Amino acid sequence: MKEVKLENGKFVSTGKEAKAAGVKPPKYPYPATQYEALLKLAKADGIDTGETKAKNTAATNVMTGLIIEAFLADRAKPVTKST
């Protein structure tokens, strides 16, 4: 699987081969509708999610991590008051 990043709300392949980092993630822990929606988004953004369930699951785990990181970064931004 190629490395993926989240850029301006779209999944983008970096072209680099993804390397394992840390422990093996658990099987996809979310409902099937979310799983399928993530795969559909990735494919719409041009990301190769693989042909097997294992590669699909690895891709969705990566995308879930990116979404969580983006959400946390967004929440960490200082709140500005408009007048």
PDB file of N, CA and C in Angstrom:
ATOM      1  N   MET A   1       0.843  -1.175   0.000  1.00  0.00           N
ATOM      2  CA  MET A   1       0.000   0.000   0.000  1.00  0.00           C
ATOM      3  C   MET A   1       0.888   1.238   0.000  1.00  0.00           C
ATOM      4  N   LYS A   2       0.466   2.235  -0.708  1.00  0.00           N
ATOM      5  CA  LYS A   2       1.202   3.491  -0.751  1.00  0.00           C
ATOM      6  C   LYS A   2       0.802   4.367   0.435  1.00  0.00           C
ATOM      7  N   GLU A   3       1.718   5.215   0.854  1.00  0.00           N
ATOM      8  CA  GLU A   3       1.473   6.140   1.954  1.00  0.00           C
ATOM      9  C   GLU A   3       0.407   7.153   1.512  1.00  0.00           C
ATOM     10  N   VAL A   4      -0.447   7.550   2.448  1.00  0.00           N
ATOM     11  CA  VAL A   4      -1.545   8.473   2.156  1.00  0.00           C
ATOM     12  C   VAL A   4      -1.510   9.610   3.164  1.00  0.00           C
ATOM     13  N   LYS A   5      -1.895  10.817   2.712  1.00  0.00           N
ATOM     14  CA  LYS A   5      -2.047  11.945   3.642  1.00  0.00           C
ATOM     15  C   LYS A   5      -3.378  12.615   3.344  1.00  0.00           C
ATOM     16  N   LEU A   6      -3.841  13.412   4.296  1.00  0.00           N
ATOM     17  CA  LEU A   6      -5.089  14.150   4.142  1.00  0.00           C
ATOM     18  C   LEU A   6      -4.726  15.592   3.852  1.00  0.00           C
ATOM     19  N   GLU A   7      -5.138  16.080   2.679  1.00  0.00           N
ATOM     20  CA  GLU A   7      -4.775  17.428   2.252  1.00  0.00           C
ATOM     21  C   GLU A   7      -6.016  18.152   1.744  1.00  0.00           C
ATOM     22  N   ASN A   8      -6.383  19.222   2.421  1.00  0.00           N
ATOM     23  CA  ASN A   8      -7.566  19.998   2.051  1.00  0.00           C
ATOM     24  C   ASN A   8      -8.821  19.139   1.951  1.00  0.00           C
ATOM     25  N   GLY A   9      -8.973  18.220   2.904  1.00  0.00           N
ATOM     26  CA  GLY A   9     -10.155  17.380   2.956  1.00  0.00           C
ATOM     27  C   GLY A   9     -10.183  16.239   1.957  1.00  0.00           C
ATOM     28  N   LYS A  10      -9.080  16.007   1.241  1.00  0.00           N
ATOM     29  CA  LYS A  10      -8.996  14.925   0.256  1.00  0.00           C
ATOM     30  C   LYS A  10      -7.855  13.998   0.636  1.00  0.00           C
ATOM     31  N   PHE A  11      -8.014  12.694   0.362  1.00  0.00           N
ATOM     32  CA  PHE A  11      -6.944  11.737   0.571  1.00  0.00           C
ATOM     33  C   PHE A  11      -6.016  11.794  -0.634  1.00  0.00           C
ATOM     34  N   VAL A  12      -4.715  11.929  -0.385  1.00  0.00           N
ATOM     35  CA  VAL A  12      -3.731  12.069  -1.447  1.00  0.00           C
ATOM     36  C   VAL A  12      -2.610  11.063  -1.221  1.00  0.00           C
ATOM     37  N   SER A  13      -2.253  10.318  -2.270  1.00  0.00           N
ATOM     38  CA  SER A  13      -1.145   9.370  -2.187  1.00  0.00           C
ATOM     39  C   SER A  13       0.170  10.130  -2.289  1.00  0.00           C
ATOM     40  N   THR A  14       1.125   9.788  -1.427  1.00  0.00           N
ATOM     41  CA  THR A  14       2.443  10.424  -1.481  1.00  0.00           C
ATOM     42  C   THR A  14       3.341   9.734  -2.497  1.00  0.00           C
ATOM     43  N   GLY A  15       2.950   8.553  -2.949  1.00  0.00           N
ATOM     44  CA  GLY A  15       3.755   7.799  -3.897  1.00  0.00           C
ATOM     45  C   GLY A  15       4.801   6.929  -3.225  1.00  0.00           C
ATOM     46  N   LYS A  16       5.015   7.134  -1.928  1.00  0.00           N
ATOM     47  CA  LYS A  16       5.990   6.342  -1.182  1.00  0.00           C
ATOM     48  C   LYS A  16       5.314   5.077  -0.658  1.00  0.00           C
ATOM     49  N   GLU A  17       6.103   4.032  -0.529  1.00  0.00           N
ATOM     50  CA  GLU A  17       5.585   2.783   0.027  1.00  0.00           C
ATOM     51  C   GLU A  17       5.354   2.980   1.526  1.00  0.00           C
ATOM     52  N   ALA A  18       4.190   2.580   2.000  1.00  0.00           N
ATOM     53  CA  ALA A  18       3.859   2.722   3.422  1.00  0.00           C
ATOM     54  C   ALA A  18       4.659   1.706   4.230  1.00  0.00           C
ATOM     55  N   LYS A  19       5.156   2.141   5.374  1.00  0.00           N
ATOM     56  CA  LYS A  19       5.903   1.258   6.263  1.00  0.00           C
ATOM     57  C   LYS A  19       5.111   1.086   7.544  1.00  0.00           C
ATOM     58  N   ALA A  20       5.199  -0.089   8.104  1.00  0.00           N
ATOM     59  CA  ALA A  20       4.508  -0.362   9.359  1.00  0.00           C
ATOM     60  C   ALA A  20       5.088   0.519  10.461  1.00  0.00           C
ATOM     61  N   ALA A  21       4.202   1.072  11.268  1.00  0.00           N
ATOM     62  CA  ALA A  21       4.628   1.904  12.389  1.00  0.00           C
ATOM     63  C   ALA A  21       3.894   1.434  13.630  1.00  0.00           C
ATOM     64  N   GLY A  22       4.626   0.850  14.549  1.00  0.00           N
ATOM     65  CA  GLY A  22       3.997   0.419  15.792  1.00  0.00           C
ATOM     66  C   GLY A  22       3.339  -0.936  15.675  1.00  0.00           C
ATOM     67  N   VAL A  23       2.365  -1.149  16.526  1.00  0.00           N
ATOM     68  CA  VAL A  23       1.690  -2.437  16.585  1.00  0.00           C
ATOM     69  C   VAL A  23       0.653  -2.566  15.484  1.00  0.00           C
ATOM     70  N   LYS A  24       0.304  -3.785  15.163  1.00  0.00           N
ATOM     71  CA  LYS A  24      -0.714  -4.050  14.156  1.00  0.00           C
ATOM     72  C   LYS A  24      -2.064  -3.562  14.668  1.00  0.00           C
ATOM     73  N   PRO A  25      -2.776  -2.720  13.878  1.00  0.00           N
ATOM     74  CA  PRO A  25      -4.074  -2.233  14.330  1.00  0.00           C
ATOM     75  C   PRO A  25      -5.107  -3.355  14.353  1.00  0.00           C
ATOM     76  N   PRO A  26      -6.135  -3.201  15.166  1.00  0.00           N
ATOM     77  CA  PRO A  26      -7.180  -4.226  15.203  1.00  0.00           C
ATOM     78  C   PRO A  26      -7.978  -4.235  13.908  1.00  0.00           C
ATOM     79  N   LYS A  27      -8.750  -5.263  13.709  1.00  0.00           N
ATOM     80  CA  LYS A  27      -9.641  -5.301  12.552  1.00  0.00           C
ATOM     81  C   LYS A  27     -10.543  -4.070  12.612  1.00  0.00           C
ATOM     82  N   TYR A  28     -11.104  -3.705  11.494  1.00  0.00           N
ATOM     83  CA  TYR A  28     -11.911  -2.489  11.414  1.00  0.00           C
ATOM     84  C   TYR A  28     -13.038  -2.527  12.441  1.00  0.00           C
ATOM     85  N   PRO A  29     -13.031  -1.618  13.424  1.00  0.00           N
ATOM     86  CA  PRO A  29     -13.984  -1.685  14.529  1.00  0.00           C
ATOM     87  C   PRO A  29     -15.293  -0.900  14.337  1.00  0.00           C
ATOM     88  N   TYR A  30     -15.548  -0.390  13.148  1.00  0.00           N
ATOM     89  CA  TYR A  30     -16.709   0.462  12.942  1.00  0.00           C
ATOM     90  C   TYR A  30     -17.775  -0.237  12.101  1.00  0.00           C
ATOM     91  N   PRO A  31     -18.976   0.310  12.060  1.00  0.00           N
ATOM     92  CA  PRO A  31     -20.056  -0.289  11.268  1.00  0.00           C
ATOM     93  C   PRO A  31     -19.704  -0.365   9.778  1.00  0.00           C
ATOM     94  N   ALA A  32     -20.288  -1.324   9.113  1.00  0.00           N
ATOM     95  CA  ALA A  32     -20.019  -1.556   7.696  1.00  0.00           C
ATOM     96  C   ALA A  32     -20.313  -0.324   6.840  1.00  0.00           C
ATOM     97  N   THR A  33     -21.310   0.459   7.211  1.00  0.00           N
ATOM     98  CA  THR A  33     -21.639   1.646   6.406  1.00  0.00           C
ATOM     99  C   THR A  33     -20.491   2.654   6.430  1.00  0.00           C
ATOM    100  N   GLN A  34     -19.844   2.823   7.586  1.00  0.00           N
ATOM    101  CA  GLN A  34     -18.701   3.729   7.678  1.00  0.00           C
ATOM    102  C   GLN A  34     -17.511   3.173   6.907  1.00  0.00           C
ATOM    103  N   TYR A  35     -17.303   1.870   7.012  1.00  0.00           N
ATOM    104  CA  TYR A  35     -16.225   1.196   6.293  1.00  0.00           C
ATOM    105  C   TYR A  35     -16.364   1.420   4.790  1.00  0.00           C
ATOM    106  N   GLU A  36     -17.557   1.161   4.276  1.00  0.00           N
ATOM    107  CA  GLU A  36     -17.816   1.326   2.844  1.00  0.00           C
ATOM    108  C   GLU A  36     -17.711   2.794   2.428  1.00  0.00           C
ATOM    109  N   ALA A  37     -18.160   3.710   3.280  1.00  0.00           N
ATOM    110  CA  ALA A  37     -18.086   5.138   2.964  1.00  0.00           C
ATOM    111  C   ALA A  37     -16.631   5.595   2.867  1.00  0.00           C
ATOM    112  N   LEU A  38     -15.771   5.107   3.767  1.00  0.00           N
ATOM    113  CA  LEU A  38     -14.352   5.456   3.709  1.00  0.00           C
ATOM    114  C   LEU A  38     -13.708   4.930   2.427  1.00  0.00           C
ATOM    115  N   LEU A  39     -14.021   3.695   2.060  1.00  0.00           N
ATOM    116  CA  LEU A  39     -13.468   3.134   0.823  1.00  0.00           C
ATOM    117  C   LEU A  39     -13.947   3.926  -0.391  1.00  0.00           C
ATOM    118  N   LYS A  40     -15.198   4.319  -0.377  1.00  0.00           N
ATOM    119  CA  LYS A  40     -15.768   5.089  -1.489  1.00  0.00           C
ATOM    120  C   LYS A  40     -15.073   6.453  -1.603  1.00  0.00           C
ATOM    121  N   LEU A  41     -14.841   7.119  -0.459  1.00  0.00           N
ATOM    122  CA  LEU A  41     -14.132   8.401  -0.461  1.00  0.00           C
ATOM    123  C   LEU A  41     -12.713   8.246  -0.995  1.00  0.00           C
ATOM    124  N   ALA A  42     -12.018   7.224  -0.523  1.00  0.00           N
ATOM    125  CA  ALA A  42     -10.642   7.000  -0.966  1.00  0.00           C
ATOM    126  C   ALA A  42     -10.589   6.765  -2.469  1.00  0.00           C
ATOM    127  N   LYS A  43     -11.484   5.939  -2.972  1.00  0.00           N
ATOM    128  CA  LYS A  43     -11.505   5.650  -4.403  1.00  0.00           C
ATOM    129  C   LYS A  43     -11.852   6.909  -5.199  1.00  0.00           C
ATOM    130  N   ALA A  44     -12.761   7.733  -4.688  1.00  0.00           N
ATOM    131  CA  ALA A  44     -13.118   8.986  -5.361  1.00  0.00           C
ATOM    132  C   ALA A  44     -11.932   9.942  -5.406  1.00  0.00           C
ATOM    133  N   ASP A  45     -11.064   9.863  -4.383  1.00  0.00           N
ATOM    134  CA  ASP A  45      -9.874  10.712  -4.324  1.00  0.00           C
ATOM    135  C   ASP A  45      -8.695  10.081  -5.078  1.00  0.00           C
ATOM    136  N   GLY A  46      -8.911   8.908  -5.688  1.00  0.00           N
ATOM    137  CA  GLY A  46      -7.882   8.278  -6.502  1.00  0.00           C
ATOM    138  C   GLY A  46      -6.898   7.412  -5.738  1.00  0.00           C
ATOM    139  N   ILE A  47      -7.237   7.008  -4.518  1.00  0.00           N
ATOM    140  CA  ILE A  47      -6.351   6.188  -3.705  1.00  0.00           C
ATOM    141  C   ILE A  47      -6.608   4.712  -3.999  1.00  0.00           C
ATOM    142  N   ASP A  48      -5.529   3.948  -4.180  1.00  0.00           N
ATOM    143  CA  ASP A  48      -5.637   2.512  -4.383  1.00  0.00           C
ATOM    144  C   ASP A  48      -5.792   1.854  -3.019  1.00  0.00           C
ATOM    145  N   THR A  49      -6.942   1.268  -2.766  1.00  0.00           N
ATOM    146  CA  THR A  49      -7.209   0.644  -1.460  1.00  0.00           C
ATOM    147  C   THR A  49      -6.978  -0.855  -1.478  1.00  0.00           C
ATOM    148  N   GLY A  50      -6.508  -1.391  -2.588  1.00  0.00           N
ATOM    149  CA  GLY A  50      -6.213  -2.813  -2.673  1.00  0.00           C
ATOM    150  C   GLY A  50      -7.411  -3.626  -3.103  1.00  0.00           C
ATOM    151  N   GLU A  51      -7.143  -4.880  -3.367  1.00  0.00           N
ATOM    152  CA  GLU A  51      -8.172  -5.792  -3.875  1.00  0.00           C
ATOM    153  C   GLU A  51      -8.731  -6.717  -2.798  1.00  0.00           C
ATOM    154  N   THR A  52      -8.034  -6.852  -1.691  1.00  0.00           N
ATOM    155  CA  THR A  52      -8.461  -7.800  -0.659  1.00  0.00           C
ATOM    156  C   THR A  52      -9.070  -7.080   0.531  1.00  0.00           C
ATOM    157  N   LYS A  53      -9.835  -7.813   1.309  1.00  0.00           N
ATOM    158  CA  LYS A  53     -10.446  -7.260   2.522  1.00  0.00           C
ATOM    159  C   LYS A  53      -9.365  -6.770   3.485  1.00  0.00           C
ATOM    160  N   ALA A  54      -8.255  -7.506   3.576  1.00  0.00           N
ATOM    161  CA  ALA A  54      -7.163  -7.108   4.474  1.00  0.00           C
ATOM    162  C   ALA A  54      -6.568  -5.762   4.053  1.00  0.00           C
ATOM    163  N   LYS A  55      -6.356  -5.584   2.745  1.00  0.00           N
ATOM    164  CA  LYS A  55      -5.797  -4.314   2.269  1.00  0.00           C
ATOM    165  C   LYS A  55      -6.824  -3.194   2.388  1.00  0.00           C
ATOM    166  N   ASN A  56      -8.102  -3.504   2.157  1.00  0.00           N
ATOM    167  CA  ASN A  56      -9.163  -2.507   2.363  1.00  0.00           C
ATOM    168  C   ASN A  56      -9.174  -2.052   3.814  1.00  0.00           C
ATOM    169  N   THR A  57      -9.062  -3.011   4.726  1.00  0.00           N
ATOM    170  CA  THR A  57      -9.084  -2.697   6.156  1.00  0.00           C
ATOM    171  C   THR A  57      -7.862  -1.879   6.552  1.00  0.00           C
ATOM    172  N   ALA A  58      -6.694  -2.241   6.023  1.00  0.00           N
ATOM    173  CA  ALA A  58      -5.483  -1.458   6.312  1.00  0.00           C
ATOM    174  C   ALA A  58      -5.655  -0.022   5.828  1.00  0.00           C
ATOM    175  N   ALA A  59      -6.223   0.147   4.640  1.00  0.00           N
ATOM    176  CA  ALA A  59      -6.444   1.492   4.093  1.00  0.00           C
ATOM    177  C   ALA A  59      -7.419   2.287   4.960  1.00  0.00           C
ATOM    178  N   THR A  60      -8.509   1.664   5.376  1.00  0.00           N
ATOM    179  CA  THR A  60      -9.492   2.384   6.195  1.00  0.00           C
ATOM    180  C   THR A  60      -8.911   2.728   7.562  1.00  0.00           C
ATOM    181  N   ASN A  61      -8.056   1.871   8.108  1.00  0.00           N
ATOM    182  CA  ASN A  61      -7.410   2.196   9.380  1.00  0.00           C
ATOM    183  C   ASN A  61      -6.507   3.416   9.242  1.00  0.00           C
ATOM    184  N   VAL A  62      -5.759   3.501   8.141  1.00  0.00           N
ATOM    185  CA  VAL A  62      -4.900   4.660   7.889  1.00  0.00           C
ATOM    186  C   VAL A  62      -5.753   5.919   7.744  1.00  0.00           C
ATOM    187  N   MET A  63      -6.823   5.824   6.954  1.00  0.00           N
ATOM    188  CA  MET A  63      -7.679   6.987   6.730  1.00  0.00           C
ATOM    189  C   MET A  63      -8.358   7.442   8.019  1.00  0.00           C
ATOM    190  N   THR A  64      -8.791   6.496   8.839  1.00  0.00           N
ATOM    191  CA  THR A  64      -9.409   6.844  10.122  1.00  0.00           C
ATOM    192  C   THR A  64      -8.419   7.615  10.987  1.00  0.00           C
ATOM    193  N   GLY A  65      -7.177   7.154  11.019  1.00  0.00           N
ATOM    194  CA  GLY A  65      -6.144   7.863  11.783  1.00  0.00           C
ATOM    195  C   GLY A  65      -5.924   9.274  11.277  1.00  0.00           C
ATOM    196  N   LEU A  66      -5.902   9.445   9.948  1.00  0.00           N
ATOM    197  CA  LEU A  66      -5.728  10.780   9.363  1.00  0.00           C
ATOM    198  C   LEU A  66      -6.889  11.702   9.700  1.00  0.00           C
ATOM    199  N   ILE A  67      -8.095  11.159   9.652  1.00  0.00           N
ATOM    200  CA  ILE A  67      -9.279  11.956   9.978  1.00  0.00           C
ATOM    201  C   ILE A  67      -9.240  12.403  11.433  1.00  0.00           C
ATOM    202  N   ILE A  68      -8.866  11.501  12.317  1.00  0.00           N
ATOM    203  CA  ILE A  68      -8.786  11.845  13.742  1.00  0.00           C
ATOM    204  C   ILE A  68      -7.708  12.902  13.973  1.00  0.00           C
ATOM    205  N   GLU A  69      -6.537  12.744  13.338  1.00  0.00           N
ATOM    206  CA  GLU A  69      -5.467  13.737  13.472  1.00  0.00           C
ATOM    207  C   GLU A  69      -5.915  15.110  12.979  1.00  0.00           C
ATOM    208  N   ALA A  70      -6.604  15.151  11.835  1.00  0.00           N
ATOM    209  CA  ALA A  70      -7.090  16.423  11.284  1.00  0.00           C
ATOM    210  C   ALA A  70      -8.118  17.055  12.212  1.00  0.00           C
ATOM    211  N   PHE A  71      -8.997  16.234  12.767  1.00  0.00           N
ATOM    212  CA  PHE A  71     -10.010  16.728  13.692  1.00  0.00           C
ATOM    213  C   PHE A  71      -9.349  17.318  14.940  1.00  0.00           C
ATOM    214  N   LEU A  72      -8.389  16.594  15.494  1.00  0.00           N
ATOM    215  CA  LEU A  72      -7.704  17.078  16.702  1.00  0.00           C
ATOM    216  C   LEU A  72      -6.919  18.359  16.433  1.00  0.00           C
ATOM    217  N   ALA A  73      -6.265  18.438  15.272  1.00  0.00           N
ATOM    218  CA  ALA A  73      -5.529  19.650  14.913  1.00  0.00           C
ATOM    219  C   ALA A  73      -6.474  20.830  14.758  1.00  0.00           C
ATOM    220  N   ASP A  74      -7.633  20.576  14.157  1.00  0.00           N
ATOM    221  CA  ASP A  74      -8.626  21.632  13.987  1.00  0.00           C
ATOM    222  C   ASP A  74      -9.155  22.111  15.338  1.00  0.00           C
ATOM    223  N   ARG A  75      -9.395  21.182  16.238  1.00  0.00           N
ATOM    224  CA  ARG A  75      -9.914  21.534  17.563  1.00  0.00           C
ATOM    225  C   ARG A  75      -8.866  22.256  18.411  1.00  0.00           C
ATOM    226  N   ALA A  76      -7.589  22.025  18.123  1.00  0.00           N
ATOM    227  CA  ALA A  76      -6.513  22.640  18.905  1.00  0.00           C
ATOM    228  C   ALA A  76      -6.247  24.094  18.491  1.00  0.00           C
ATOM    229  N   LYS A  77      -6.819  24.505  17.363  1.00  0.00           N
ATOM    230  CA  LYS A  77      -6.620  25.890  16.903  1.00  0.00           C
ATOM    231  C   LYS A  77      -7.288  26.840  17.887  1.00  0.00           C
ATOM    232  N   PRO A  78      -6.653  27.991  18.120  1.00  0.00           N
ATOM    233  CA  PRO A  78      -7.265  28.960  19.030  1.00  0.00           C
ATOM    234  C   PRO A  78      -8.574  29.495  18.461  1.00  0.00           C
ATOM    235  N   VAL A  79      -9.510  29.690  19.334  1.00  0.00           N
ATOM    236  CA  VAL A  79     -10.810  30.224  18.946  1.00  0.00           C
ATOM    237  C   VAL A  79     -10.685  31.741  18.860  1.00  0.00           C
ATOM    238  N   THR A  80     -11.121  32.301  17.737  1.00  0.00           N
ATOM    239  CA  THR A  80     -11.099  33.755  17.568  1.00  0.00           C
ATOM    240  C   THR A  80     -12.525  34.262  17.651  1.00  0.00           C
ATOM    241  N   LYS A  81     -12.691  35.340  18.370  1.00  0.00           N
ATOM    242  CA  LYS A  81     -14.017  35.944  18.502  1.00  0.00           C
ATOM    243  C   LYS A  81     -14.217  36.984  17.423  1.00  0.00           C
ATOM    244  N   SER A  82     -15.364  36.932  16.768  1.00  0.00           N
ATOM    245  CA  SER A  82     -15.664  37.951  15.764  1.00  0.00           C
ATOM    246  C   SER A  82     -16.484  39.046  16.430  1.00  0.00           C
ATOM    247  N   THR A  83     -16.253  40.252  15.988  1.00  0.00           N
ATOM    248  CA  THR A  83     -16.977  41.378  16.588  1.00  0.00           C
ATOM    249  C   THR A  83     -17.950  41.973  15.644  1.00  0.00           C
TER     250      THR A  83
END
